[in-house]
Amino acid sequence: MQPLQHSSDEDIINEAVVNAARILELKQSELTRIIGPKKTQISNLFNKNLNAVHQSDTVYWDHAILFLRMFRSLYALFGEDSAQSKAWLKNYNYHLLGIPSELIKKTEGLVHVVAYLDAMRGVA
């Protein structure tokens, strides 16, 4: 598979979001709840129409960046062991008082999970 030629920062971020979602085995509907654009936009992302989420869509863009920060933190903590990252997302976390994959479906939960993972990376 040939890597895509990126024409903008938006293309890079959009492709990274799709790759992270695939690695974490998140469904399109789950990613829609996390990032927030319309379901058709996420479907377009997964179908390589990478212009689906734009920087001008501030809330969606911010959620996409936070989602990538979360993924990067999981990668820093667990390396290429995606099974461990997926398990962390799906299981109850006593520090977060919830299941991370459910918490990140709301803005405040996404911010809280990212802050927690940033702090854990600082300890590791």
PDB file of N, CA and C in Angstrom:
ATOM      1  N   MET A   1       0.834  -1.171   0.000  1.00  0.00           N
ATOM      2  CA  MET A   1       0.000   0.000   0.000  1.00  0.00           C
ATOM      3  C   MET A   1       0.881   1.236   0.000  1.00  0.00           C
ATOM      4  N   GLN A   2       0.645   2.124  -0.925  1.00  0.00           N
ATOM      5  CA  GLN A   2       1.428   3.352  -1.038  1.00  0.00           C
ATOM      6  C   GLN A   2       0.959   4.376  -0.014  1.00  0.00           C
ATOM      7  N   PRO A   3       1.896   5.071   0.647  1.00  0.00           N
ATOM      8  CA  PRO A   3       1.475   6.136   1.545  1.00  0.00           C
ATOM      9  C   PRO A   3       0.842   7.262   0.737  1.00  0.00           C
ATOM     10  N   LEU A   4      -0.128   7.903   1.370  1.00  0.00           N
ATOM     11  CA  LEU A   4      -0.800   9.012   0.701  1.00  0.00           C
ATOM     12  C   LEU A   4       0.100  10.231   0.638  1.00  0.00           C
ATOM     13  N   GLN A   5      -0.054  10.988  -0.419  1.00  0.00           N
ATOM     14  CA  GLN A   5       0.634  12.269  -0.509  1.00  0.00           C
ATOM     15  C   GLN A   5      -0.233  13.295   0.219  1.00  0.00           C
ATOM     16  N   HIS A   6       0.328  13.938   1.213  1.00  0.00           N
ATOM     17  CA  HIS A   6      -0.433  14.888   2.019  1.00  0.00           C
ATOM     18  C   HIS A   6      -0.296  16.281   1.448  1.00  0.00           C
ATOM     19  N   SER A   7      -1.428  16.932   1.288  1.00  0.00           N
ATOM     20  CA  SER A   7      -1.403  18.287   0.763  1.00  0.00           C
ATOM     21  C   SER A   7      -1.537  19.322   1.869  1.00  0.00           C
ATOM     22  N   SER A   8      -1.895  18.893   3.065  1.00  0.00           N
ATOM     23  CA  SER A   8      -2.067  19.870   4.144  1.00  0.00           C
ATOM     24  C   SER A   8      -1.941  19.190   5.500  1.00  0.00           C
ATOM     25  N   ASP A   9      -1.836  20.031   6.527  1.00  0.00           N
ATOM     26  CA  ASP A   9      -1.830  19.524   7.897  1.00  0.00           C
ATOM     27  C   ASP A   9      -3.136  18.789   8.193  1.00  0.00           C
ATOM     28  N   GLU A  10      -4.230  19.270   7.625  1.00  0.00           N
ATOM     29  CA  GLU A  10      -5.525  18.629   7.833  1.00  0.00           C
ATOM     30  C   GLU A  10      -5.501  17.179   7.338  1.00  0.00           C
ATOM     31  N   ASP A  11      -4.903  16.954   6.180  1.00  0.00           N
ATOM     32  CA  ASP A  11      -4.808  15.594   5.651  1.00  0.00           C
ATOM     33  C   ASP A  11      -4.038  14.688   6.603  1.00  0.00           C
ATOM     34  N   ILE A  12      -2.944  15.207   7.136  1.00  0.00           N
ATOM     35  CA  ILE A  12      -2.103  14.422   8.044  1.00  0.00           C
ATOM     36  C   ILE A  12      -2.879  14.067   9.307  1.00  0.00           C
ATOM     37  N   ILE A  13      -3.545  15.053   9.905  1.00  0.00           N
ATOM     38  CA  ILE A  13      -4.314  14.816  11.128  1.00  0.00           C
ATOM     39  C   ILE A  13      -5.455  13.843  10.855  1.00  0.00           C
ATOM     40  N   ASN A  14      -6.164  14.050   9.767  1.00  0.00           N
ATOM     41  CA  ASN A  14      -7.293  13.166   9.442  1.00  0.00           C
ATOM     42  C   ASN A  14      -6.840  11.730   9.244  1.00  0.00           C
ATOM     43  N   GLU A  15      -5.744  11.528   8.530  1.00  0.00           N
ATOM     44  CA  GLU A  15      -5.248  10.166   8.324  1.00  0.00           C
ATOM     45  C   GLU A  15      -4.767   9.561   9.645  1.00  0.00           C
ATOM     46  N   ALA A  16      -4.126  10.358  10.491  1.00  0.00           N
ATOM     47  CA  ALA A  16      -3.661   9.862  11.781  1.00  0.00           C
ATOM     48  C   ALA A  16      -4.836   9.441  12.662  1.00  0.00           C
ATOM     49  N   VAL A  17      -5.922  10.197  12.624  1.00  0.00           N
ATOM     50  CA  VAL A  17      -7.110   9.845  13.400  1.00  0.00           C
ATOM     51  C   VAL A  17      -7.657   8.495  12.955  1.00  0.00           C
ATOM     52  N   VAL A  18      -7.752   8.296  11.655  1.00  0.00           N
ATOM     53  CA  VAL A  18      -8.260   7.027  11.128  1.00  0.00           C
ATOM     54  C   VAL A  18      -7.335   5.873  11.518  1.00  0.00           C
ATOM     55  N   ASN A  19      -6.033   6.076  11.368  1.00  0.00           N
ATOM     56  CA  ASN A  19      -5.077   5.018  11.721  1.00  0.00           C
ATOM     57  C   ASN A  19      -5.167   4.673  13.201  1.00  0.00           C
ATOM     58  N   ALA A  20      -5.246   5.681  14.060  1.00  0.00           N
ATOM     59  CA  ALA A  20      -5.346   5.438  15.501  1.00  0.00           C
ATOM     60  C   ALA A  20      -6.635   4.695  15.831  1.00  0.00           C
ATOM     61  N   ALA A  21      -7.736   5.106  15.215  1.00  0.00           N
ATOM     62  CA  ALA A  21      -9.019   4.433  15.462  1.00  0.00           C
ATOM     63  C   ALA A  21      -8.964   2.977  15.020  1.00  0.00           C
ATOM     64  N   ARG A  22      -8.322   2.720  13.911  1.00  0.00           N
ATOM     65  CA  ARG A  22      -8.209   1.339  13.431  1.00  0.00           C
ATOM     66  C   ARG A  22      -7.341   0.502  14.365  1.00  0.00           C
ATOM     67  N   ILE A  23      -6.236   1.066  14.820  1.00  0.00           N
ATOM     68  CA  ILE A  23      -5.352   0.336  15.738  1.00  0.00           C
ATOM     69  C   ILE A  23      -6.079   0.014  17.039  1.00  0.00           C
ATOM     70  N   LEU A  24      -6.873   0.974  17.527  1.00  0.00           N
ATOM     71  CA  LEU A  24      -7.619   0.765  18.769  1.00  0.00           C
ATOM     72  C   LEU A  24      -8.927   0.012  18.545  1.00  0.00           C
ATOM     73  N   GLU A  25      -9.186  -0.347  17.287  1.00  0.00           N
ATOM     74  CA  GLU A  25     -10.386  -1.078  16.895  1.00  0.00           C
ATOM     75  C   GLU A  25     -11.665  -0.372  17.332  1.00  0.00           C
ATOM     76  N   LEU A  26     -11.686   0.933  17.122  1.00  0.00           N
ATOM     77  CA  LEU A  26     -12.890   1.703  17.396  1.00  0.00           C
ATOM     78  C   LEU A  26     -13.772   1.704  16.159  1.00  0.00           C
ATOM     79  N   LYS A  27     -15.043   1.551  16.365  1.00  0.00           N
ATOM     80  CA  LYS A  27     -15.998   1.599  15.262  1.00  0.00           C
ATOM     81  C   LYS A  27     -16.177   3.055  14.826  1.00  0.00           C
ATOM     82  N   GLN A  28     -16.663   3.227  13.615  1.00  0.00           N
ATOM     83  CA  GLN A  28     -16.917   4.569  13.110  1.00  0.00           C
ATOM     84  C   GLN A  28     -17.899   5.307  14.016  1.00  0.00           C
ATOM     85  N   SER A  29     -18.897   4.599  14.516  1.00  0.00           N
ATOM     86  CA  SER A  29     -19.884   5.235  15.401  1.00  0.00           C
ATOM     87  C   SER A  29     -19.239   5.705  16.708  1.00  0.00           C
ATOM     88  N   GLU A  30     -18.270   4.939  17.203  1.00  0.00           N
ATOM     89  CA  GLU A  30     -17.564   5.349  18.426  1.00  0.00           C
ATOM     90  C   GLU A  30     -16.715   6.589  18.158  1.00  0.00           C
ATOM     91  N   LEU A  31     -16.018   6.600  17.032  1.00  0.00           N
ATOM     92  CA  LEU A  31     -15.199   7.752  16.690  1.00  0.00           C
ATOM     93  C   LEU A  31     -16.062   8.994  16.480  1.00  0.00           C
ATOM     94  N   THR A  32     -17.248   8.800  15.923  1.00  0.00           N
ATOM     95  CA  THR A  32     -18.174   9.921  15.756  1.00  0.00           C
ATOM     96  C   THR A  32     -18.541  10.510  17.110  1.00  0.00           C
ATOM     97  N   ARG A  33     -18.767   9.657  18.096  1.00  0.00           N
ATOM     98  CA  ARG A  33     -19.122  10.149  19.438  1.00  0.00           C
ATOM     99  C   ARG A  33     -17.946  10.864  20.099  1.00  0.00           C
ATOM    100  N   ILE A  34     -16.721  10.463  19.776  1.00  0.00           N
ATOM    101  CA  ILE A  34     -15.529  11.064  20.383  1.00  0.00           C
ATOM    102  C   ILE A  34     -15.209  12.407  19.740  1.00  0.00           C
ATOM    103  N   ILE A  35     -15.163  12.440  18.423  1.00  0.00           N
ATOM    104  CA  ILE A  35     -14.737  13.648  17.718  1.00  0.00           C
ATOM    105  C   ILE A  35     -15.903  14.593  17.472  1.00  0.00           C
ATOM    106  N   GLY A  36     -17.052  14.041  17.142  1.00  0.00           N
ATOM    107  CA  GLY A  36     -18.229  14.859  17.069  1.00  0.00           C
ATOM    108  C   GLY A  36     -18.777  15.293  15.728  1.00  0.00           C
ATOM    109  N   PRO A  37     -18.082  15.150  14.610  1.00  0.00           N
ATOM    110  CA  PRO A  37     -18.740  15.570  13.377  1.00  0.00           C
ATOM    111  C   PRO A  37     -19.827  14.583  12.982  1.00  0.00           C
ATOM    112  N   LYS A  38     -20.498  14.901  11.920  1.00  0.00           N
ATOM    113  CA  LYS A  38     -21.571  14.031  11.448  1.00  0.00           C
ATOM    114  C   LYS A  38     -21.011  12.657  11.074  1.00  0.00           C
ATOM    115  N   LYS A  39     -21.861  11.661  11.196  1.00  0.00           N
ATOM    116  CA  LYS A  39     -21.467  10.287  10.890  1.00  0.00           C
ATOM    117  C   LYS A  39     -20.923  10.168   9.468  1.00  0.00           C
ATOM    118  N   THR A  40     -21.486  10.936   8.540  1.00  0.00           N
ATOM    119  CA  THR A  40     -21.007  10.873   7.149  1.00  0.00           C
ATOM    120  C   THR A  40     -19.574  11.374   7.033  1.00  0.00           C
ATOM    121  N   GLN A  41     -19.189  12.350   7.872  1.00  0.00           N
ATOM    122  CA  GLN A  41     -17.811  12.846   7.833  1.00  0.00           C
ATOM    123  C   GLN A  41     -16.836  11.760   8.270  1.00  0.00           C
ATOM    124  N   ILE A  42     -17.159  11.043   9.316  1.00  0.00           N
ATOM    125  CA  ILE A  42     -16.287   9.962   9.786  1.00  0.00           C
ATOM    126  C   ILE A  42     -16.251   8.845   8.747  1.00  0.00           C
ATOM    127  N   SER A  43     -17.392   8.539   8.159  1.00  0.00           N
ATOM    128  CA  SER A  43     -17.423   7.536   7.095  1.00  0.00           C
ATOM    129  C   SER A  43     -16.512   7.957   5.944  1.00  0.00           C
ATOM    130  N   ASN A  44     -16.552   9.227   5.582  1.00  0.00           N
ATOM    131  CA  ASN A  44     -15.669   9.736   4.529  1.00  0.00           C
ATOM    132  C   ASN A  44     -14.201   9.598   4.914  1.00  0.00           C
ATOM    133  N   LEU A  45     -13.890   9.840   6.188  1.00  0.00           N
ATOM    134  CA  LEU A  45     -12.511   9.668   6.653  1.00  0.00           C
ATOM    135  C   LEU A  45     -12.044   8.233   6.429  1.00  0.00           C
ATOM    136  N   PHE A  46     -12.880   7.289   6.832  1.00  0.00           N
ATOM    137  CA  PHE A  46     -12.514   5.882   6.709  1.00  0.00           C
ATOM    138  C   PHE A  46     -12.442   5.432   5.255  1.00  0.00           C
ATOM    139  N   ASN A  47     -13.110   6.153   4.378  1.00  0.00           N
ATOM    140  CA  ASN A  47     -13.091   5.829   2.955  1.00  0.00           C
ATOM    141  C   ASN A  47     -12.067   6.657   2.193  1.00  0.00           C
ATOM    142  N   LYS A  48     -11.084   7.186   2.910  1.00  0.00           N
ATOM    143  CA  LYS A  48      -9.948   7.918   2.333  1.00  0.00           C
ATOM    144  C   LYS A  48     -10.304   9.269   1.723  1.00  0.00           C
ATOM    145  N   ASN A  49     -11.474   9.801   2.061  1.00  0.00           N
ATOM    146  CA  ASN A  49     -11.783  11.179   1.702  1.00  0.00           C
ATOM    147  C   ASN A  49     -11.294  12.012   2.886  1.00  0.00           C
ATOM    148  N   LEU A  50     -10.012  12.306   2.879  1.00  0.00           N
ATOM    149  CA  LEU A  50      -9.355  12.849   4.064  1.00  0.00           C
ATOM    150  C   LEU A  50      -9.714  14.291   4.390  1.00  0.00           C
ATOM    151  N   ASN A  51     -10.481  14.934   3.566  1.00  0.00           N
ATOM    152  CA  ASN A  51     -10.852  16.312   3.857  1.00  0.00           C
ATOM    153  C   ASN A  51     -12.120  16.401   4.686  1.00  0.00           C
ATOM    154  N   ALA A  52     -12.458  15.367   5.393  1.00  0.00           N
ATOM    155  CA  ALA A  52     -13.728  15.314   6.105  1.00  0.00           C
ATOM    156  C   ALA A  52     -13.769  16.224   7.330  1.00  0.00           C
ATOM    157  N   VAL A  53     -12.693  16.335   8.085  1.00  0.00           N
ATOM    158  CA  VAL A  53     -12.658  17.189   9.270  1.00  0.00           C
ATOM    159  C   VAL A  53     -11.666  18.305   9.007  1.00  0.00           C
ATOM    160  N   HIS A  54     -12.155  19.529   9.116  1.00  0.00           N
ATOM    161  CA  HIS A  54     -11.340  20.698   8.779  1.00  0.00           C
ATOM    162  C   HIS A  54     -10.948  21.469  10.021  1.00  0.00           C
ATOM    163  N   GLN A  55      -9.812  22.130   9.945  1.00  0.00           N
ATOM    164  CA  GLN A  55      -9.327  22.935  11.053  1.00  0.00           C
ATOM    165  C   GLN A  55     -10.318  24.045  11.393  1.00  0.00           C
ATOM    166  N   SER A  56     -11.069  24.493  10.413  1.00  0.00           N
ATOM    167  CA  SER A  56     -12.045  25.555  10.661  1.00  0.00           C
ATOM    168  C   SER A  56     -13.222  25.064  11.507  1.00  0.00           C
ATOM    169  N   ASP A  57     -13.439  23.755  11.555  1.00  0.00           N
ATOM    170  CA  ASP A  57     -14.461  23.166  12.424  1.00  0.00           C
ATOM    171  C   ASP A  57     -13.840  22.999  13.810  1.00  0.00           C
ATOM    172  N   THR A  58     -13.710  24.094  14.526  1.00  0.00           N
ATOM    173  CA  THR A  58     -12.873  24.172  15.715  1.00  0.00           C
ATOM    174  C   THR A  58     -13.118  23.060  16.727  1.00  0.00           C
ATOM    175  N   VAL A  59     -14.355  22.815  17.098  1.00  0.00           N
ATOM    176  CA  VAL A  59     -14.643  21.806  18.122  1.00  0.00           C
ATOM    177  C   VAL A  59     -14.219  20.431  17.633  1.00  0.00           C
ATOM    178  N   TYR A  60     -14.582  20.083  16.415  1.00  0.00           N
ATOM    179  CA  TYR A  60     -14.229  18.774  15.876  1.00  0.00           C
ATOM    180  C   TYR A  60     -12.720  18.634  15.772  1.00  0.00           C
ATOM    181  N   TRP A  61     -12.076  19.692  15.304  1.00  0.00           N
ATOM    182  CA  TRP A  61     -10.620  19.676  15.149  1.00  0.00           C
ATOM    183  C   TRP A  61      -9.957  19.482  16.507  1.00  0.00           C
ATOM    184  N   ASP A  62     -10.406  20.232  17.511  1.00  0.00           N
ATOM    185  CA  ASP A  62      -9.833  20.108  18.856  1.00  0.00           C
ATOM    186  C   ASP A  62     -10.011  18.692  19.399  1.00  0.00           C
ATOM    187  N   HIS A  63     -11.172  18.097  19.158  1.00  0.00           N
ATOM    188  CA  HIS A  63     -11.409  16.729  19.621  1.00  0.00           C
ATOM    189  C   HIS A  63     -10.498  15.746  18.890  1.00  0.00           C
ATOM    190  N   ALA A  64     -10.279  15.978  17.606  1.00  0.00           N
ATOM    191  CA  ALA A  64      -9.379  15.105  16.835  1.00  0.00           C
ATOM    192  C   ALA A  64      -7.961  15.187  17.398  1.00  0.00           C
ATOM    193  N   ILE A  65      -7.502  16.398  17.715  1.00  0.00           N
ATOM    194  CA  ILE A  65      -6.157  16.580  18.276  1.00  0.00           C
ATOM    195  C   ILE A  65      -6.063  15.914  19.649  1.00  0.00           C
ATOM    196  N   LEU A  66      -7.088  16.078  20.477  1.00  0.00           N
ATOM    197  CA  LEU A  66      -7.086  15.425  21.794  1.00  0.00           C
ATOM    198  C   LEU A  66      -7.086  13.906  21.652  1.00  0.00           C
ATOM    199  N   PHE A  67      -7.860  13.392  20.715  1.00  0.00           N
ATOM    200  CA  PHE A  67      -7.885  11.950  20.469  1.00  0.00           C
ATOM    201  C   PHE A  67      -6.490  11.450  20.095  1.00  0.00           C
ATOM    202  N   LEU A  68      -5.796  12.206  19.250  1.00  0.00           N
ATOM    203  CA  LEU A  68      -4.430  11.817  18.859  1.00  0.00           C
ATOM    204  C   LEU A  68      -3.465  11.912  20.028  1.00  0.00           C
ATOM    205  N   ARG A  69      -3.637  12.908  20.882  1.00  0.00           N
ATOM    206  CA  ARG A  69      -2.800  12.995  22.087  1.00  0.00           C
ATOM    207  C   ARG A  69      -3.027  11.773  22.980  1.00  0.00           C
ATOM    208  N   MET A  70      -4.278  11.357  23.100  1.00  0.00           N
ATOM    209  CA  MET A  70      -4.581  10.169  23.893  1.00  0.00           C
ATOM    210  C   MET A  70      -3.894   8.948  23.293  1.00  0.00           C
ATOM    211  N   PHE A  71      -4.013   8.794  21.978  1.00  0.00           N
ATOM    212  CA  PHE A  71      -3.386   7.657  21.307  1.00  0.00           C
ATOM    213  C   PHE A  71      -1.871   7.686  21.483  1.00  0.00           C
ATOM    214  N   ARG A  72      -1.277   8.856  21.318  1.00  0.00           N
ATOM    215  CA  ARG A  72       0.179   8.980  21.471  1.00  0.00           C
ATOM    216  C   ARG A  72       0.609   8.615  22.889  1.00  0.00           C
ATOM    217  N   SER A  73      -0.169   9.010  23.873  1.00  0.00           N
ATOM    218  CA  SER A  73       0.148   8.664  25.262  1.00  0.00           C
ATOM    219  C   SER A  73       0.049   7.159  25.494  1.00  0.00           C
ATOM    220  N   LEU A  74      -0.996   6.544  24.932  1.00  0.00           N
ATOM    221  CA  LEU A  74      -1.124   5.092  25.054  1.00  0.00           C
ATOM    222  C   LEU A  74       0.061   4.398  24.403  1.00  0.00           C
ATOM    223  N   TYR A  75       0.482   4.906  23.269  1.00  0.00           N
ATOM    224  CA  TYR A  75       1.635   4.326  22.573  1.00  0.00           C
ATOM    225  C   TYR A  75       2.901   4.488  23.418  1.00  0.00           C
ATOM    226  N   ALA A  76       3.051   5.649  24.045  1.00  0.00           N
ATOM    227  CA  ALA A  76       4.229   5.885  24.889  1.00  0.00           C
ATOM    228  C   ALA A  76       4.233   4.944  26.096  1.00  0.00           C
ATOM    229  N   LEU A  77       3.065   4.668  26.631  1.00  0.00           N
ATOM    230  CA  LEU A  77       2.972   3.802  27.812  1.00  0.00           C
ATOM    231  C   LEU A  77       3.071   2.316  27.476  1.00  0.00           C
ATOM    232  N   PHE A  78       2.449   1.901  26.374  1.00  0.00           N
ATOM    233  CA  PHE A  78       2.342   0.478  26.065  1.00  0.00           C
ATOM    234  C   PHE A  78       3.108   0.051  24.821  1.00  0.00           C
ATOM    235  N   GLY A  79       3.714   0.984  24.122  1.00  0.00           N
ATOM    236  CA  GLY A  79       4.461   0.651  22.916  1.00  0.00           C
ATOM    237  C   GLY A  79       3.550   0.111  21.833  1.00  0.00           C
ATOM    238  N   GLU A  80       4.052  -0.803  21.061  1.00  0.00           N
ATOM    239  CA  GLU A  80       3.296  -1.345  19.935  1.00  0.00           C
ATOM    240  C   GLU A  80       2.307  -2.426  20.351  1.00  0.00           C
ATOM    241  N   ASP A  81       2.147  -2.633  21.644  1.00  0.00           N
ATOM    242  CA  ASP A  81       1.206  -3.631  22.145  1.00  0.00           C
ATOM    243  C   ASP A  81      -0.203  -3.040  22.135  1.00  0.00           C
ATOM    244  N   SER A  82      -0.837  -3.067  20.968  1.00  0.00           N
ATOM    245  CA  SER A  82      -2.165  -2.465  20.849  1.00  0.00           C
ATOM    246  C   SER A  82      -3.200  -3.207  21.693  1.00  0.00           C
ATOM    247  N   ALA A  83      -2.965  -4.486  21.972  1.00  0.00           N
ATOM    248  CA  ALA A  83      -3.891  -5.240  22.813  1.00  0.00           C
ATOM    249  C   ALA A  83      -3.952  -4.631  24.210  1.00  0.00           C
ATOM    250  N   GLN A  84      -2.817  -4.200  24.715  1.00  0.00           N
ATOM    251  CA  GLN A  84      -2.783  -3.588  26.040  1.00  0.00           C
ATOM    252  C   GLN A  84      -3.473  -2.219  26.020  1.00  0.00           C
ATOM    253  N   SER A  85      -3.258  -1.452  24.967  1.00  0.00           N
ATOM    254  CA  SER A  85      -3.935  -0.152  24.830  1.00  0.00           C
ATOM    255  C   SER A  85      -5.447  -0.333  24.764  1.00  0.00           C
ATOM    256  N   LYS A  86      -5.890  -1.307  23.963  1.00  0.00           N
ATOM    257  CA  LYS A  86      -7.325  -1.578  23.838  1.00  0.00           C
ATOM    258  C   LYS A  86      -7.900  -2.036  25.168  1.00  0.00           C
ATOM    259  N   ALA A  87      -7.167  -2.875  25.878  1.00  0.00           N
ATOM    260  CA  ALA A  87      -7.635  -3.352  27.182  1.00  0.00           C
ATOM    261  C   ALA A  87      -7.744  -2.185  28.162  1.00  0.00           C
ATOM    262  N   TRP A  88      -6.774  -1.275  28.135  1.00  0.00           N
ATOM    263  CA  TRP A  88      -6.814  -0.119  29.022  1.00  0.00           C
ATOM    264  C   TRP A  88      -8.056   0.726  28.724  1.00  0.00           C
ATOM    265  N   LEU A  89      -8.354   0.901  27.457  1.00  0.00           N
ATOM    266  CA  LEU A  89      -9.519   1.710  27.072  1.00  0.00           C
ATOM    267  C   LEU A  89     -10.836   1.066  27.503  1.00  0.00           C
ATOM    268  N   LYS A  90     -10.918  -0.252  27.475  1.00  0.00           N
ATOM    269  CA  LYS A  90     -12.195  -0.957  27.682  1.00  0.00           C
ATOM    270  C   LYS A  90     -12.471  -1.336  29.136  1.00  0.00           C
ATOM    271  N   ASN A  91     -11.486  -1.197  30.006  1.00  0.00           N
ATOM    272  CA  ASN A  91     -11.664  -1.624  31.393  1.00  0.00           C
ATOM    273  C   ASN A  91     -11.791  -0.443  32.341  1.00  0.00           C
ATOM    274  N   TYR A  92     -12.490  -0.688  33.441  1.00  0.00           N
ATOM    275  CA  TYR A  92     -12.708   0.351  34.445  1.00  0.00           C
ATOM    276  C   TYR A  92     -11.369   0.830  35.004  1.00  0.00           C
ATOM    277  N   ASN A  93     -11.243   2.143  35.139  1.00  0.00           N
ATOM    278  CA  ASN A  93     -10.035   2.737  35.698  1.00  0.00           C
ATOM    279  C   ASN A  93     -10.431   3.457  36.994  1.00  0.00           C
ATOM    280  N   TYR A  94      -9.863   3.018  38.105  1.00  0.00           N
ATOM    281  CA  TYR A  94     -10.231   3.567  39.400  1.00  0.00           C
ATOM    282  C   TYR A  94      -9.790   5.018  39.574  1.00  0.00           C
ATOM    283  N   HIS A  95      -8.715   5.420  38.923  1.00  0.00           N
ATOM    284  CA  HIS A  95      -8.273   6.807  39.004  1.00  0.00           C
ATOM    285  C   HIS A  95      -9.208   7.735  38.230  1.00  0.00           C
ATOM    286  N   LEU A  96      -9.711   7.256  37.113  1.00  0.00           N
ATOM    287  CA  LEU A  96     -10.619   8.059  36.284  1.00  0.00           C
ATOM    288  C   LEU A  96     -12.084   7.892  36.693  1.00  0.00           C
ATOM    289  N   LEU A  97     -12.347   6.908  37.537  1.00  0.00           N
ATOM    290  CA  LEU A  97     -13.698   6.593  37.998  1.00  0.00           C
ATOM    291  C   LEU A  97     -14.642   6.275  36.844  1.00  0.00           C
ATOM    292  N   GLY A  98     -14.123   5.499  35.902  1.00  0.00           N
ATOM    293  CA  GLY A  98     -14.958   5.103  34.778  1.00  0.00           C
ATOM    294  C   GLY A  98     -14.168   4.298  33.763  1.00  0.00           C
ATOM    295  N   ILE A  99     -14.844   3.929  32.702  1.00  0.00           N
ATOM    296  CA  ILE A  99     -14.226   3.204  31.596  1.00  0.00           C
ATOM    297  C   ILE A  99     -13.771   4.243  30.576  1.00  0.00           C
ATOM    298  N   PRO A 100     -12.467   4.327  30.314  1.00  0.00           N
ATOM    299  CA  PRO A 100     -11.960   5.372  29.418  1.00  0.00           C
ATOM    300  C   PRO A 100     -12.673   5.461  28.074  1.00  0.00           C
ATOM    301  N   SER A 101     -12.999   4.320  27.448  1.00  0.00           N
ATOM    302  CA  SER A 101     -13.659   4.368  26.139  1.00  0.00           C
ATOM    303  C   SER A 101     -15.050   4.995  26.225  1.00  0.00           C
ATOM    304  N   GLU A 102     -15.658   4.957  27.385  1.00  0.00           N
ATOM    305  CA  GLU A 102     -16.948   5.632  27.580  1.00  0.00           C
ATOM    306  C   GLU A 102     -16.742   7.097  27.958  1.00  0.00           C
ATOM    307  N   LEU A 103     -15.751   7.347  28.789  1.00  0.00           N
ATOM    308  CA  LEU A 103     -15.489   8.718  29.229  1.00  0.00           C
ATOM    309  C   LEU A 103     -15.135   9.641  28.063  1.00  0.00           C
ATOM    310  N   ILE A 104     -14.378   9.130  27.102  1.00  0.00           N
ATOM    311  CA  ILE A 104     -13.894   9.985  26.013  1.00  0.00           C
ATOM    312  C   ILE A 104     -14.989  10.363  25.017  1.00  0.00           C
ATOM    313  N   LYS A 105     -16.187   9.855  25.207  1.00  0.00           N
ATOM    314  CA  LYS A 105     -17.300  10.208  24.320  1.00  0.00           C
ATOM    315  C   LYS A 105     -17.916  11.553  24.680  1.00  0.00           C
ATOM    316  N   LYS A 106     -17.446  12.148  25.758  1.00  0.00           N
ATOM    317  CA  LYS A 106     -17.865  13.501  26.151  1.00  0.00           C
ATOM    318  C   LYS A 106     -16.617  14.360  26.243  1.00  0.00           C
ATOM    319  N   THR A 107     -16.767  15.632  25.940  1.00  0.00           N
ATOM    320  CA  THR A 107     -15.619  16.536  25.892  1.00  0.00           C
ATOM    321  C   THR A 107     -14.847  16.537  27.197  1.00  0.00           C
ATOM    322  N   GLU A 108     -15.542  16.705  28.307  1.00  0.00           N
ATOM    323  CA  GLU A 108     -14.844  16.769  29.590  1.00  0.00           C
ATOM    324  C   GLU A 108     -14.143  15.458  29.911  1.00  0.00           C
ATOM    325  N   GLY A 109     -14.722  14.350  29.515  1.00  0.00           N
ATOM    326  CA  GLY A 109     -14.086  13.054  29.725  1.00  0.00           C
ATOM    327  C   GLY A 109     -12.842  12.886  28.872  1.00  0.00           C
ATOM    328  N   LEU A 110     -12.908  13.323  27.616  1.00  0.00           N
ATOM    329  CA  LEU A 110     -11.746  13.253  26.731  1.00  0.00           C
ATOM    330  C   LEU A 110     -10.594  14.083  27.291  1.00  0.00           C
ATOM    331  N   VAL A 111     -10.913  15.289  27.733  1.00  0.00           N
ATOM    332  CA  VAL A 111      -9.884  16.166  28.315  1.00  0.00           C
ATOM    333  C   VAL A 111      -9.301  15.522  29.570  1.00  0.00           C
ATOM    334  N   HIS A 112     -10.153  14.952  30.415  1.00  0.00           N
ATOM    335  CA  HIS A 112      -9.698  14.327  31.665  1.00  0.00           C
ATOM    336  C   HIS A 112      -8.806  13.107  31.389  1.00  0.00           C
ATOM    337  N   VAL A 113      -9.210  12.269  30.441  1.00  0.00           N
ATOM    338  CA  VAL A 113      -8.418  11.083  30.104  1.00  0.00           C
ATOM    339  C   VAL A 113      -7.060  11.498  29.537  1.00  0.00           C
ATOM    340  N   VAL A 114      -7.044  12.492  28.670  1.00  0.00           N
ATOM    341  CA  VAL A 114      -5.778  12.966  28.096  1.00  0.00           C
ATOM    342  C   VAL A 114      -4.873  13.526  29.185  1.00  0.00           C
ATOM    343  N   ALA A 115      -5.422  14.305  30.096  1.00  0.00           N
ATOM    344  CA  ALA A 115      -4.624  14.862  31.194  1.00  0.00           C
ATOM    345  C   ALA A 115      -4.070  13.747  32.080  1.00  0.00           C
ATOM    346  N   TYR A 116      -4.882  12.745  32.362  1.00  0.00           N
ATOM    347  CA  TYR A 116      -4.445  11.609  33.165  1.00  0.00           C
ATOM    348  C   TYR A 116      -3.296  10.863  32.473  1.00  0.00           C
ATOM    349  N   LEU A 117      -3.475  10.592  31.179  1.00  0.00           N
ATOM    350  CA  LEU A 117      -2.422   9.882  30.448  1.00  0.00           C
ATOM    351  C   LEU A 117      -1.143  10.713  30.336  1.00  0.00           C
ATOM    352  N   ASP A 118      -1.279  12.017  30.158  1.00  0.00           N
ATOM    353  CA  ASP A 118      -0.104  12.896  30.141  1.00  0.00           C
ATOM    354  C   ASP A 118       0.643  12.791  31.468  1.00  0.00           C
ATOM    355  N   ALA A 119      -0.088  12.769  32.565  1.00  0.00           N
ATOM    356  CA  ALA A 119       0.528  12.651  33.876  1.00  0.00           C
ATOM    357  C   ALA A 119       1.192  11.287  34.045  1.00  0.00           C
ATOM    358  N   MET A 120       0.543  10.237  33.557  1.00  0.00           N
ATOM    359  CA  MET A 120       1.128   8.900  33.653  1.00  0.00           C
ATOM    360  C   MET A 120       2.407   8.796  32.820  1.00  0.00           C
ATOM    361  N   ARG A 121       2.437   9.454  31.683  1.00  0.00           N
ATOM    362  CA  ARG A 121       3.644   9.451  30.867  1.00  0.00           C
ATOM    363  C   ARG A 121       4.786  10.136  31.602  1.00  0.00           C
ATOM    364  N   GLY A 122       4.457  11.168  32.377  1.00  0.00           N
ATOM    365  CA  GLY A 122       5.485  11.871  33.138  1.00  0.00           C
ATOM    366  C   GLY A 122       6.084  11.005  34.226  1.00  0.00           C
ATOM    367  N   VAL A 123       5.294  10.069  34.764  1.00  0.00           N
ATOM    368  CA  VAL A 123       5.752   9.173  35.817  1.00  0.00           C
ATOM    369  C   VAL A 123       6.555   8.023  35.231  1.00  0.00           C
ATOM    370  N   ALA A 124       6.134   7.547  34.058  1.00  0.00           N
ATOM    371  CA  ALA A 124       6.749   6.357  33.455  1.00  0.00           C
ATOM    372  C   ALA A 124       8.180   6.570  33.058  1.00  0.00           C
TER     373      ALA A 124
END
